[in-house]
């Protein structure tokens, strides 16, 4: 089969062998279209048994076949023309034909199809060149280890940048020798081979491409041959693969070693972070039965703003204005939600409302908050060493930060006994503090906090704990990830006090779902309930302006 492309007026023809071809703007794409309207990984073309199938990878501008957008796998037969951005592509059975034309007929009903099931042999049958590439890459890596005297370089005090520069030079020289001797198999790009060897030897191997892809929000490695990614809130299998379990283990070691953490049979799971703040969890045998498993929650390279959350539909302008008011009035705020609901992102946005003149102390298990203020002290918990000693918990750090003269305390997540210390801090002059809690509703936050206080080991009666909670917490903002992958603020709730043994709360804003669109997107909006915060007089007494219309009055 042949692929004919018309990109920026230039016609190109190439032979297609069975396998997968990622199409996009990224440098690692096998069919590269360097145009601004094309996503990093725009679409994927699968060729197998004389049939070609195109599938859009949730790109920003979509993929067209015969002028019509596609939302599932589509068989390219009968000379159909694919349009990506302003470029045209056509797959044909025989020799190269003329450049594809945009003037084509609409697709015929029933042309869509799911990709064929995998044959015996799995992913290797999908790309017959993969085993050959792996073999060549492994041989070059072995030669690299022979030529790089890591012990000598370390003794000489060569830093990481120096090691990487030396590795690049050695790899380039080795590949150049292989090419000069005519030993590089046809179909293997020398430049791409150099990059793959470098990533495997010095960085995070096949994951580097996914980490550089801004459309990927989460990476899940379920063993060496199954790497899933999250794009637009939806999971999909990527074409990224590791050579074997040892390659995955090498990447895990490369992540945790600089942080002073370890992973082995005695400690087979670990939480860590990358240099950019991305959160990493790894778990290995004997606990992980399918091979070393890695989950990376990527951190956005650009800090989200309140306007960004409004643009993507997480909240609206009224809630943004209300939360800015709450932070400026030094209200204690808890951000609640389930796993992956966007609590940390929302906490980052709320922290951006804190005046730049205040001293902020952050306490986290794995440092991932990115505050923009100049006066920020960041504290990170420490796990026990190999002897099981030396651990510093979140609770220890919360207690310590009270002696650091903080204007605001931000705890990345309350998940245990530190909840008691956090509540006490909020009740003893550290107003305006922020934290997150795993909970399914604002009411559930209260129950969760009560349970976590009991985990501190203090034998306190339930009423005393609820008094602490009612006195400390002012606002609960609850966020959820919906079935369509979107993250929405579901409720903004005020804690008004304690009546008898029950904590009294009132919703200020709630999300009301109105239906589901034809594309599966959740339709709805955040609405004011008509309730007005009990502390609204504080705003007026300070002479601040407030639009009472936001409360539905």
Protein backbone atom coordinates (compact mmCIF):
# COMPACT_ATOMS: atom_id res chain seq x y z
CA UNK A 1 0.00 0.00 0.00
CA UNK A 2 1.10 3.57 -0.56
CA UNK A 3 0.36 6.83 1.22
CA UNK A 4 0.12 9.98 -0.87
CA UNK A 5 0.20 13.28 1.02
CA UNK A 6 -0.26 16.88 -0.02
CA UNK A 7 1.22 19.08 2.73
CA UNK A 8 1.75 22.81 2.17
CA UNK A 9 1.54 22.23 -1.59
CA UNK A 10 4.23 19.54 -1.54
CA UNK A 11 3.33 16.04 -2.75
CA UNK A 12 4.98 13.06 -1.09
CA UNK A 13 4.58 9.33 -1.60
CA UNK A 14 5.69 6.55 0.72
CA UNK A 15 5.23 2.81 0.95
CA UNK A 16 3.19 1.52 3.89
CA UNK A 17 3.97 -1.70 5.69
CA UNK A 18 1.68 -3.28 8.27
CA UNK A 19 1.82 -1.30 11.51
CA UNK A 20 0.64 1.94 13.12
CA UNK A 21 1.44 5.44 11.93
CA UNK A 22 0.82 8.35 14.30
CA UNK A 23 -0.03 11.53 12.37
CA UNK A 24 0.53 14.94 13.96
CA UNK A 25 2.75 17.91 14.62
CA UNK A 26 5.01 16.17 17.15
CA UNK A 27 8.57 15.37 16.16
CA UNK A 28 8.07 11.69 16.98
CA UNK A 29 5.08 11.22 14.66
CA UNK A 30 5.72 8.88 11.74
CA UNK A 31 3.64 11.14 9.48
CA UNK A 32 4.56 14.66 10.53
CA UNK A 33 2.45 17.69 9.58
CA UNK A 34 4.09 20.80 10.98
CA UNK A 35 1.10 23.13 10.94
CA UNK A 36 -0.38 25.14 13.84
CA UNK A 37 -3.89 23.76 13.38
CA UNK A 38 -2.62 20.17 13.75
CA UNK A 39 -2.37 18.62 17.23
CA UNK A 40 0.82 17.05 18.58
CA UNK A 41 -0.74 13.60 18.07
CA UNK A 42 -3.68 14.23 15.78
CA UNK A 43 -4.70 10.85 14.38
CA UNK A 44 -3.48 7.28 14.05
CA UNK A 45 -3.40 5.25 10.84
CA UNK A 46 -3.44 1.45 11.23
CA UNK A 47 -2.42 -0.72 8.27
CA UNK A 48 -2.96 -4.45 8.43
CA UNK A 49 -3.73 -7.20 5.91
CA UNK A 50 -4.22 -4.77 3.04
CA UNK A 51 -6.66 -2.56 4.97
CA UNK A 52 -6.10 0.95 6.33
CA UNK A 53 -8.06 2.42 9.25
CA UNK A 54 -7.88 6.05 10.42
CA UNK A 55 -8.90 7.18 13.92
CA UNK A 56 -8.86 10.67 15.41
CA UNK A 57 -6.91 11.00 18.70
CA UNK A 58 -9.28 13.57 20.26
CA UNK A 59 -7.54 16.36 18.35
CA UNK A 60 -8.55 20.00 18.70
CA UNK A 61 -9.69 20.49 15.09
CA UNK A 62 -10.79 16.96 14.24
CA UNK A 63 -10.09 14.68 11.30
CA UNK A 64 -12.18 14.74 8.11
CA UNK A 65 -12.77 11.87 5.69
CA UNK A 66 -14.28 12.91 2.36
CA UNK A 67 -15.13 16.25 3.96
CA UNK A 68 -17.00 14.80 6.95
CA UNK A 69 -15.63 14.73 10.55
CA UNK A 70 -15.13 11.27 12.06
CA UNK A 71 -15.66 10.29 15.70
CA UNK A 72 -14.62 6.62 15.50
CA UNK A 73 -12.40 4.27 13.52
CA UNK A 74 -12.92 4.67 9.76
CA UNK A 75 -11.91 2.30 6.96
CA UNK A 76 -10.07 4.06 4.13
CA UNK A 77 -11.17 2.23 1.01
CA UNK A 78 -12.29 3.39 -2.40
CA UNK A 79 -9.75 6.20 -2.56
CA UNK A 80 -11.18 8.16 0.36
CA UNK A 81 -9.33 11.39 1.19
CA UNK A 82 -8.32 12.32 4.74
CA UNK A 83 -8.06 16.01 5.64
CA UNK A 84 -6.01 17.05 8.67
CA UNK A 85 -5.73 20.81 8.99
CA UNK A 86 -5.04 22.04 5.46
CA UNK A 87 -3.24 18.83 4.46
CA UNK A 88 -4.68 15.94 2.45
CA UNK A 89 -3.80 12.23 2.62
CA UNK A 90 -4.90 9.20 0.62
CA UNK A 91 -4.10 5.51 0.98
CA UNK A 92 -4.15 3.34 -2.14
CA UNK A 93 -3.61 -0.36 -2.80
CA UNK A 94 -1.44 -0.07 -5.87
CA UNK A 95 1.43 2.23 -6.88
CA UNK A 96 1.40 5.95 -6.14
CA UNK A 97 -1.42 7.88 -7.76
CA UNK A 98 -1.99 11.55 -8.25
CA UNK A 99 -2.11 13.97 -5.34
CA UNK A 100 -5.34 13.66 -3.35
CA UNK A 101 -8.01 16.22 -4.13
CA UNK A 102 -10.30 17.93 -1.66
CA UNK A 103 -13.23 17.67 -4.08
CA UNK A 104 -14.52 14.27 -2.98
CA UNK A 105 -17.90 12.75 -2.32
CA UNK A 106 -19.43 12.28 1.09
CA UNK A 107 -18.72 8.99 2.85
CA UNK A 108 -21.04 6.09 2.27
CA UNK A 109 -23.21 4.91 5.15
CA UNK A 110 -21.69 1.97 6.99
CA UNK A 111 -18.05 2.65 6.15
CA UNK A 112 -17.13 3.09 9.80
CA UNK A 113 -15.63 0.09 11.49
CA UNK A 114 -13.82 -0.89 14.58
CA UNK A 115 -10.14 -1.86 14.22
CA UNK A 116 -9.67 -5.58 13.65
CA UNK A 117 -8.95 -7.74 16.67
CA UNK A 118 -5.33 -8.43 17.49
CA UNK A 119 -3.92 -11.63 16.10
CA UNK A 120 -1.85 -14.10 18.04
CA UNK A 121 1.46 -12.48 18.79
CA UNK A 122 -0.10 -9.27 20.10
CA UNK A 123 1.61 -6.00 19.44
CA UNK A 124 4.59 -7.55 17.71
CA UNK A 125 2.36 -8.74 14.84
CA UNK A 126 1.05 -5.18 14.60
CA UNK A 127 4.53 -3.83 13.70
CA UNK A 128 7.02 -6.35 12.30
CA UNK A 129 9.82 -3.78 12.57
CA UNK A 130 9.40 -3.34 16.31
CA UNK A 131 11.45 -6.39 17.34
CA UNK A 132 14.20 -5.39 14.95
CA UNK A 133 14.28 -1.82 16.31
CA UNK A 134 14.42 -3.14 19.86
CA UNK A 135 17.32 -5.44 19.01
CA UNK A 136 19.32 -2.64 17.37
CA UNK A 137 18.55 -0.29 20.25
CA UNK A 138 19.66 -2.85 22.84
CA UNK A 139 22.95 -3.45 21.04
CA UNK A 140 23.67 0.30 20.90
CA UNK A 141 22.84 0.65 24.60
CA UNK A 142 25.30 -2.13 25.45
CA UNK A 143 27.99 -0.41 23.39
CA UNK A 144 27.19 2.89 25.13
CA UNK A 145 27.77 1.31 28.55
CA UNK A 146 31.15 0.01 27.37
CA UNK A 147 32.27 3.42 26.12
CA UNK A 148 30.91 5.52 29.02
CA UNK A 149 32.92 5.08 32.20
CA UNK A 150 30.20 6.28 34.58
CA UNK A 151 32.31 5.58 37.68
CA UNK A 152 35.15 7.72 36.36
CA UNK A 153 32.81 10.54 35.33
CA UNK A 154 31.16 10.51 38.76
CA UNK A 155 34.52 10.65 40.55
CA UNK A 156 35.49 13.60 38.36
CA UNK A 157 32.38 15.42 39.61
CA UNK A 158 30.57 15.58 36.26
CA UNK A 159 27.00 16.79 36.85
CA UNK A 160 23.84 15.44 35.21
CA UNK A 161 24.00 17.92 32.33
CA UNK A 162 27.57 16.87 31.63
CA UNK A 163 26.61 13.18 31.69
CA UNK A 164 23.75 13.80 29.26
CA UNK A 165 26.01 15.76 26.90
CA UNK A 166 28.63 12.99 27.00
CA UNK A 167 25.96 10.35 26.39
CA UNK A 168 24.61 12.21 23.37
CA UNK A 169 28.09 12.46 21.86
CA UNK A 170 28.79 8.75 22.42
CA UNK A 171 25.41 7.68 21.01
CA UNK A 172 25.84 9.87 17.94
CA UNK A 173 29.28 8.39 17.31
CA UNK A 174 28.04 4.79 17.70
CA UNK A 175 25.08 5.29 15.36
CA UNK A 176 27.31 7.07 12.83
CA UNK A 177 29.64 4.05 12.84
CA UNK A 178 26.75 1.66 12.34
CA UNK A 179 25.44 3.71 9.40
CA UNK A 180 28.91 4.09 7.85
CA UNK A 181 29.44 0.31 8.00
CA UNK A 182 26.05 -0.29 6.37
CA UNK A 183 24.77 -2.26 9.35
CA UNK A 184 21.66 -0.19 10.10
CA UNK A 185 18.59 -2.06 8.77
CA UNK A 186 16.42 -0.31 6.20
CA UNK A 187 13.42 1.50 7.62
CA UNK A 188 15.13 2.63 10.86
CA UNK A 189 15.66 6.39 11.13
CA UNK A 190 19.13 7.09 12.60
CA UNK A 191 18.06 10.35 14.27
CA UNK A 192 15.03 8.74 15.86
CA UNK A 193 17.19 5.80 16.95
CA UNK A 194 19.65 8.18 18.66
CA UNK A 195 16.80 9.87 20.54
CA UNK A 196 15.28 6.55 21.64
CA UNK A 197 18.62 5.25 22.94
CA UNK A 198 19.28 8.52 24.79
CA UNK A 199 15.82 8.53 26.41
CA UNK A 200 16.22 4.90 27.46
CA UNK A 201 19.70 5.44 28.88
CA UNK A 202 19.40 8.86 30.54
CA UNK A 203 15.75 9.80 30.85
CA UNK A 204 12.36 8.08 31.01
CA UNK A 205 12.54 6.02 27.83
CA UNK A 206 9.31 5.72 25.81
CA UNK A 207 7.48 7.97 28.30
CA UNK A 208 9.38 11.07 27.14
CA UNK A 209 7.13 11.47 24.09
CA UNK A 210 3.98 11.23 26.22
CA UNK A 211 5.34 13.67 28.81
CA UNK A 212 6.01 16.17 26.01
CA UNK A 213 2.49 15.77 24.61
CA UNK A 214 0.36 18.55 26.10
CA UNK A 215 -2.87 16.74 25.20
CA UNK A 216 -2.00 13.91 27.64
CA UNK A 217 -3.07 14.56 31.23
CA UNK A 218 -2.27 11.16 32.76
CA UNK A 219 -0.03 8.22 31.85
CA UNK A 220 -0.70 4.67 33.08
CA UNK A 221 1.89 1.94 32.51
CA UNK A 222 0.28 -1.48 33.07
CA UNK A 223 3.39 -3.53 32.40
CA UNK A 224 5.84 -3.10 29.53
CA UNK A 225 3.43 -3.60 26.61
CA UNK A 226 0.32 -1.71 27.77
CA UNK A 227 0.63 2.05 28.24
CA UNK A 228 -2.64 3.94 28.52
CA UNK A 229 -3.10 7.71 28.47
CA UNK A 230 -5.88 10.08 29.38
CA UNK A 231 -6.85 12.70 26.80
CA UNK A 232 -9.80 15.00 27.30
CA UNK A 233 -10.87 12.98 30.33
CA UNK A 234 -11.02 9.70 28.36
CA UNK A 235 -8.67 6.70 28.47
CA UNK A 236 -7.04 5.25 25.36
CA UNK A 237 -4.27 2.76 24.61
CA UNK A 238 -1.14 4.44 23.25
CA UNK A 239 1.35 2.97 20.80
CA UNK A 240 4.15 3.45 23.36
CA UNK A 241 5.79 0.26 24.65
CA UNK A 242 8.77 -0.80 26.77
CA UNK A 243 11.15 -3.57 25.82
CA UNK A 244 10.55 -5.59 29.01
CA UNK A 245 9.94 -5.37 32.76
CA UNK A 246 13.56 -4.39 33.34
CA UNK A 247 13.10 -1.27 31.18
CA UNK A 248 10.10 -0.20 33.26
CA UNK A 249 12.04 -0.83 36.48
CA UNK A 250 14.93 1.28 35.20
CA UNK A 251 12.57 4.19 34.59
CA UNK A 252 11.07 3.84 38.08
CA UNK A 253 14.54 3.84 39.66
CA UNK A 254 15.45 6.92 37.64
CA UNK A 255 12.41 8.73 39.06
CA UNK A 256 12.72 7.81 42.74
CA UNK A 257 16.51 7.81 43.22
CA UNK A 258 17.03 11.62 43.08
CA UNK A 259 14.31 12.03 45.73
CA UNK A 260 16.01 9.71 48.20
CA UNK A 261 13.22 7.15 47.96
CA UNK A 262 13.47 3.47 47.17
CA UNK A 263 11.43 0.66 45.69
CA UNK A 264 12.26 -3.03 46.09
CA UNK A 265 10.74 -6.24 47.41
CA UNK A 266 10.66 -4.96 50.97
CA UNK A 267 9.05 -1.65 49.87
CA UNK A 268 7.25 -2.54 46.62
CA UNK A 269 5.36 0.73 46.13
CA UNK A 270 6.32 4.40 46.25
CA UNK A 271 4.95 7.90 45.70
CA UNK A 272 7.24 10.38 44.00
CA UNK A 273 7.23 13.36 41.64
CA UNK A 274 9.02 14.48 38.53
CA UNK A 275 11.05 17.67 38.25
CA UNK A 276 8.08 19.50 36.70
CA UNK A 277 5.81 18.60 39.65
CA UNK A 278 4.01 15.66 38.01
CA UNK A 279 2.84 13.12 40.58
CA UNK A 280 4.11 9.54 40.24
CA UNK A 281 2.99 6.30 41.87
CA UNK A 282 4.80 3.03 41.19
CA UNK A 283 4.07 -0.49 42.41
CA UNK A 284 6.01 -3.64 41.52
CA UNK A 285 6.04 -7.39 42.12
CA UNK A 286 5.05 -9.23 44.23
CA UNK A 287 2.13 -6.83 44.65
CA UNK A 288 1.69 -5.96 40.95
CA UNK A 289 0.92 -9.21 39.11
CA UNK A 290 0.93 -7.78 35.56
CA UNK A 291 4.40 -6.28 35.84
CA UNK A 292 5.78 -2.98 37.14
CA UNK A 293 2.93 -0.46 37.13
CA UNK A 294 3.44 3.31 36.95
CA UNK A 295 0.84 6.06 37.13
CA UNK A 296 1.86 9.62 36.31
CA UNK A 297 -0.51 12.53 36.91
CA UNK A 298 0.99 15.18 34.66
CA UNK A 299 1.20 18.69 35.95
CA UNK A 300 0.29 21.45 33.53
CA UNK A 301 3.29 23.39 32.28
CA UNK A 302 1.25 26.57 32.58
CA UNK A 303 -0.53 27.34 35.83
CA UNK A 304 -4.30 27.49 35.37
CA UNK A 305 -6.00 30.79 36.10
CA UNK A 306 -9.56 31.55 37.18
CA UNK A 307 -10.33 32.52 33.58
CA UNK A 308 -9.06 29.13 32.36
CA UNK A 309 -11.44 27.30 34.70
CA UNK A 310 -14.29 29.44 33.40
CA UNK A 311 -13.30 28.73 29.79
CA UNK A 312 -13.29 24.95 30.26
CA UNK A 313 -16.55 25.04 32.23
CA UNK A 314 -15.24 24.05 35.66
CA UNK A 315 -16.96 27.10 37.20
CA UNK A 316 -18.39 30.44 36.06
CA UNK A 317 -17.49 34.09 36.61
CA UNK A 318 -19.85 34.46 39.58
CA UNK A 319 -18.20 31.61 41.50
CA UNK A 320 -14.75 32.92 40.58
CA UNK A 321 -15.67 36.34 42.00
CA UNK A 322 -17.20 34.76 45.10
CA UNK A 323 -14.14 32.60 45.82
CA UNK A 324 -11.82 35.57 45.30
CA UNK A 325 -13.92 37.40 47.90
CA UNK A 326 -13.71 34.43 50.31
CA UNK A 327 -9.91 34.27 50.04
CA UNK A 328 -9.50 38.03 50.48
CA UNK A 329 -11.72 37.89 53.61
CA UNK A 330 -9.47 35.11 54.96
CA UNK A 331 -12.16 32.43 55.02
CA UNK A 332 -10.95 28.88 55.68
CA UNK A 333 -11.69 26.81 52.58
CA UNK A 334 -11.77 23.05 51.97
CA UNK A 335 -11.64 21.77 48.38
CA UNK A 336 -13.33 18.36 48.22
CA UNK A 337 -13.76 15.76 45.50
CA UNK A 338 -12.86 12.31 44.31
CA UNK A 339 -9.61 11.05 42.80
CA UNK A 340 -8.74 12.91 39.60
CA UNK A 341 -11.50 15.49 40.04
CA UNK A 342 -9.09 18.43 39.83
CA UNK A 343 -8.73 19.35 43.51
CA UNK A 344 -5.06 20.30 43.28
CA UNK A 345 -5.61 22.45 40.18
CA UNK A 346 -8.48 24.24 41.89
CA UNK A 347 -6.39 24.70 45.05
CA UNK A 348 -3.66 26.29 42.93
CA UNK A 349 -6.16 28.74 41.43
CA UNK A 350 -7.56 29.66 44.85
CA UNK A 351 -4.06 30.22 46.21
CA UNK A 352 -3.52 32.70 43.39
CA UNK A 353 -6.07 35.00 45.06
CA UNK A 354 -3.86 35.36 48.17
CA UNK A 355 -2.20 38.80 48.33
CA UNK A 356 1.48 38.83 47.35
CA UNK A 357 2.39 40.55 50.63
CA UNK A 358 1.54 37.52 52.81
CA UNK A 359 3.83 34.70 53.98
CA UNK A 360 2.51 31.31 52.81
CA UNK A 361 3.66 27.91 54.10
CA UNK A 362 2.67 24.85 52.05
CA UNK A 363 2.73 21.30 53.43
CA UNK A 364 2.52 18.37 50.99
CA UNK A 365 3.22 14.68 50.78
CA UNK A 366 4.74 15.16 47.30
CA UNK A 367 5.35 18.80 46.40
CA UNK A 368 3.18 19.69 43.40
CA UNK A 369 1.61 23.06 44.22
CA UNK A 370 2.93 25.96 42.16
CA UNK A 371 2.25 29.27 43.88
CA UNK A 372 3.05 32.52 42.13
CA UNK A 373 3.57 34.67 45.24
CA UNK A 374 7.14 35.68 46.13
CA UNK A 375 7.01 34.73 49.84
CA UNK A 376 6.31 30.99 49.85
CA UNK A 377 7.90 28.30 52.06
CA UNK A 378 7.41 24.77 50.72
CA UNK A 379 7.57 21.74 53.04
CA UNK A 380 7.48 18.12 51.88
CA UNK A 381 7.00 14.97 53.96
CA UNK A 382 9.73 12.33 54.06
CA UNK A 383 9.22 8.54 54.03
CA UNK A 384 11.17 6.22 56.36
CA UNK A 385 14.65 5.07 55.36
CA UNK A 386 15.67 1.50 54.68
CA UNK A 387 15.74 0.83 58.43
CA UNK A 388 12.18 2.14 58.84
CA UNK A 389 13.34 5.28 60.64
CA UNK A 390 13.56 8.97 59.90
CA UNK A 391 10.01 9.46 58.59
CA UNK A 392 8.57 12.99 58.76
CA UNK A 393 4.79 13.00 58.36
CA UNK A 394 2.37 15.65 57.19
CA UNK A 395 1.24 16.01 60.79
CA UNK A 396 4.80 16.73 61.95
CA UNK A 397 5.14 19.43 59.29
CA UNK A 398 1.78 21.04 60.11
CA UNK A 399 2.83 21.31 63.75
CA UNK A 400 6.21 22.73 62.76
CA UNK A 401 4.82 25.32 60.35
CA UNK A 402 2.82 26.88 63.19
CA UNK A 403 6.18 28.09 64.55
CA UNK A 404 7.17 29.62 61.21
CA UNK A 405 4.99 32.73 61.45
CA UNK A 406 2.69 31.84 58.52
CA UNK A 407 -0.03 34.20 57.33
CA UNK A 408 -1.61 31.32 55.46
CA UNK A 409 -1.18 27.56 55.72
CA UNK A 410 -1.92 25.39 52.69
CA UNK A 411 -2.02 21.63 53.24
CA UNK A 412 -1.96 19.74 49.94
CA UNK A 413 -4.27 17.04 51.28
CA UNK A 414 -5.64 16.04 54.68
CA UNK A 415 -5.83 12.26 54.86
CA UNK A 416 -5.07 11.38 58.48
CA UNK A 417 -4.38 12.74 61.94
CA UNK A 418 -3.05 16.04 60.53
CA UNK A 419 -6.71 17.07 60.13
CA UNK A 420 -6.85 17.79 63.90
CA UNK A 421 -3.76 20.02 63.75
CA UNK A 422 -5.12 21.78 60.68
CA UNK A 423 -8.44 22.51 62.40
CA UNK A 424 -6.65 23.80 65.48
CA UNK A 425 -4.52 26.08 63.32
CA UNK A 426 -7.62 27.46 61.64
CA UNK A 427 -9.16 28.09 65.05
CA UNK A 428 -6.10 29.79 66.55
CA UNK A 429 -5.44 32.75 64.33
CA UNK A 430 -4.38 31.21 61.02
CA UNK A 431 -7.46 32.30 59.09
CA UNK A 432 -7.51 31.98 55.34
CA UNK A 433 -5.98 28.50 55.30
CA UNK A 434 -6.67 26.07 52.44
CA UNK A 435 -6.65 22.29 52.13
CA UNK A 436 -8.16 19.42 50.12
CA UNK A 437 -10.06 16.35 51.26
CA UNK A 438 -11.26 13.25 49.43
CA UNK A 439 -15.06 13.30 49.76
CA UNK A 440 -18.15 12.69 47.64
CA UNK A 441 -20.22 15.67 48.79
CA UNK A 442 -19.97 18.71 51.09
CA UNK A 443 -21.84 16.82 53.81
CA UNK A 444 -19.40 13.93 53.42
CA UNK A 445 -16.50 16.34 54.10
CA UNK A 446 -17.71 16.77 57.67
CA UNK A 447 -17.89 13.01 58.26
CA UNK A 448 -14.45 12.50 56.70
CA UNK A 449 -12.87 15.22 58.86
CA UNK A 450 -14.43 13.74 61.97
CA UNK A 451 -13.01 10.31 61.10
CA UNK A 452 -9.55 11.74 60.37
CA UNK A 453 -9.49 13.61 63.70
CA UNK A 454 -10.15 10.29 65.46
CA UNK A 455 -7.18 8.85 63.53
CA UNK A 456 -4.93 11.25 65.42
CA UNK A 457 -5.29 9.05 68.50
CA UNK A 458 -7.01 11.72 70.57
CA UNK A 459 -10.01 10.38 72.46
CA UNK A 460 -12.35 13.30 71.73
CA UNK A 461 -16.16 13.18 71.93
CA UNK A 462 -18.02 13.63 68.64
CA UNK A 463 -19.57 16.93 69.73
CA UNK A 464 -16.17 18.43 70.54
CA UNK A 465 -14.86 17.42 67.12
CA UNK A 466 -17.91 18.88 65.37
CA UNK A 467 -17.51 22.11 67.30
CA UNK A 468 -13.95 22.32 66.03
CA UNK A 469 -15.08 21.68 62.44
CA UNK A 470 -18.00 24.14 62.57
CA UNK A 471 -15.76 26.83 64.04
CA UNK A 472 -12.83 26.26 61.69
CA UNK A 473 -14.34 25.61 58.23
CA UNK A 474 -16.12 28.45 56.45
CA UNK A 475 -16.50 27.29 52.84
CA UNK A 476 -16.51 23.86 51.16
CA UNK A 477 -16.15 23.78 47.38
CA UNK A 478 -16.95 20.37 45.92
CA UNK A 479 -15.64 19.26 42.50
CA UNK A 480 -16.33 16.11 40.47
CA UNK A 481 -15.17 14.45 37.30
CA UNK A 482 -18.30 13.64 35.30
CA UNK A 483 -18.92 10.71 32.98
CA UNK A 484 -17.84 12.72 29.90
CA UNK A 485 -14.43 13.38 31.47
CA UNK A 486 -15.12 17.02 32.31
CA UNK A 487 -14.32 18.40 35.75
CA UNK A 488 -17.01 20.61 37.25
CA UNK A 489 -17.60 22.43 40.52
CA UNK A 490 -20.75 20.75 41.83
CA UNK A 491 -21.42 22.88 44.90
CA UNK A 492 -20.13 25.82 46.91
CA UNK A 493 -21.37 25.38 50.47
CA UNK A 494 -21.10 27.53 53.59
CA UNK A 495 -20.70 25.97 57.04
CA UNK A 496 -22.95 28.17 59.19
CA UNK A 497 -22.54 26.62 62.65
CA UNK A 498 -23.64 23.89 65.01
CA UNK A 499 -27.22 23.19 66.11
CA UNK A 500 -27.42 20.48 68.74
CA UNK A 501 -25.04 17.78 67.51
CA UNK A 502 -25.44 18.55 63.80
CA UNK A 503 -23.31 20.87 61.69
CA UNK A 504 -25.52 23.24 59.72
CA UNK A 505 -24.64 24.00 56.11
CA UNK A 506 -26.21 25.93 53.24
CA UNK A 507 -25.50 25.68 49.51
CA UNK A 508 -24.61 29.00 47.87
CA UNK A 509 -24.16 27.59 44.35
CA UNK A 510 -25.03 24.15 42.94
CA UNK A 511 -24.59 22.46 39.56
CA UNK A 512 -27.83 21.43 37.89
CA UNK A 513 -27.57 18.95 35.01
CA UNK A 514 -30.03 19.55 32.18
CA UNK A 515 -29.21 16.57 29.98
CA UNK A 516 -26.60 14.85 27.83
CA UNK A 517 -25.64 16.13 24.37
CA UNK A 518 -25.41 13.93 21.26
CA UNK A 519 -21.63 13.82 21.70
CA UNK A 520 -22.01 12.48 25.23
CA UNK A 521 -21.11 15.78 26.86
CA UNK A 522 -22.91 16.67 30.09
CA UNK A 523 -25.13 19.73 29.74
CA UNK A 524 -25.87 21.90 32.77
CA UNK A 525 -24.94 25.04 34.64
CA UNK A 526 -23.96 26.33 38.04
CA UNK A 527 -26.85 28.19 39.61
CA UNK A 528 -27.24 30.37 42.68
CA UNK A 529 -29.59 28.89 45.28
CA UNK A 530 -30.74 32.27 46.56
CA UNK A 531 -28.94 31.79 49.88
CA UNK A 532 -26.66 34.63 50.97
CA UNK A 533 -23.55 33.98 53.10
CA UNK A 534 -24.10 34.77 56.77
CA UNK A 535 -20.91 36.87 56.83
CA UNK A 536 -21.92 39.17 53.99
CA UNK A 537 -22.04 42.12 56.45
CA UNK A 538 -18.25 41.82 56.81
CA UNK A 539 -17.93 42.78 53.15
CA UNK A 540 -20.05 45.87 53.58
CA UNK A 541 -18.32 46.91 56.78
CA UNK A 542 -14.97 46.86 54.97
CA UNK A 543 -16.31 49.05 52.20
CA UNK A 544 -15.76 46.36 49.53
CA UNK A 545 -18.02 46.20 46.52
CA UNK A 546 -20.03 43.06 45.89
CA UNK A 547 -22.59 42.19 43.26
CA UNK A 548 -25.49 40.79 45.23
CA UNK A 549 -27.05 39.63 41.98
CA UNK A 550 -24.66 36.67 41.91
CA UNK A 551 -26.63 35.12 44.77
CA UNK A 552 -29.84 35.14 42.76
CA UNK A 553 -31.34 38.06 44.62
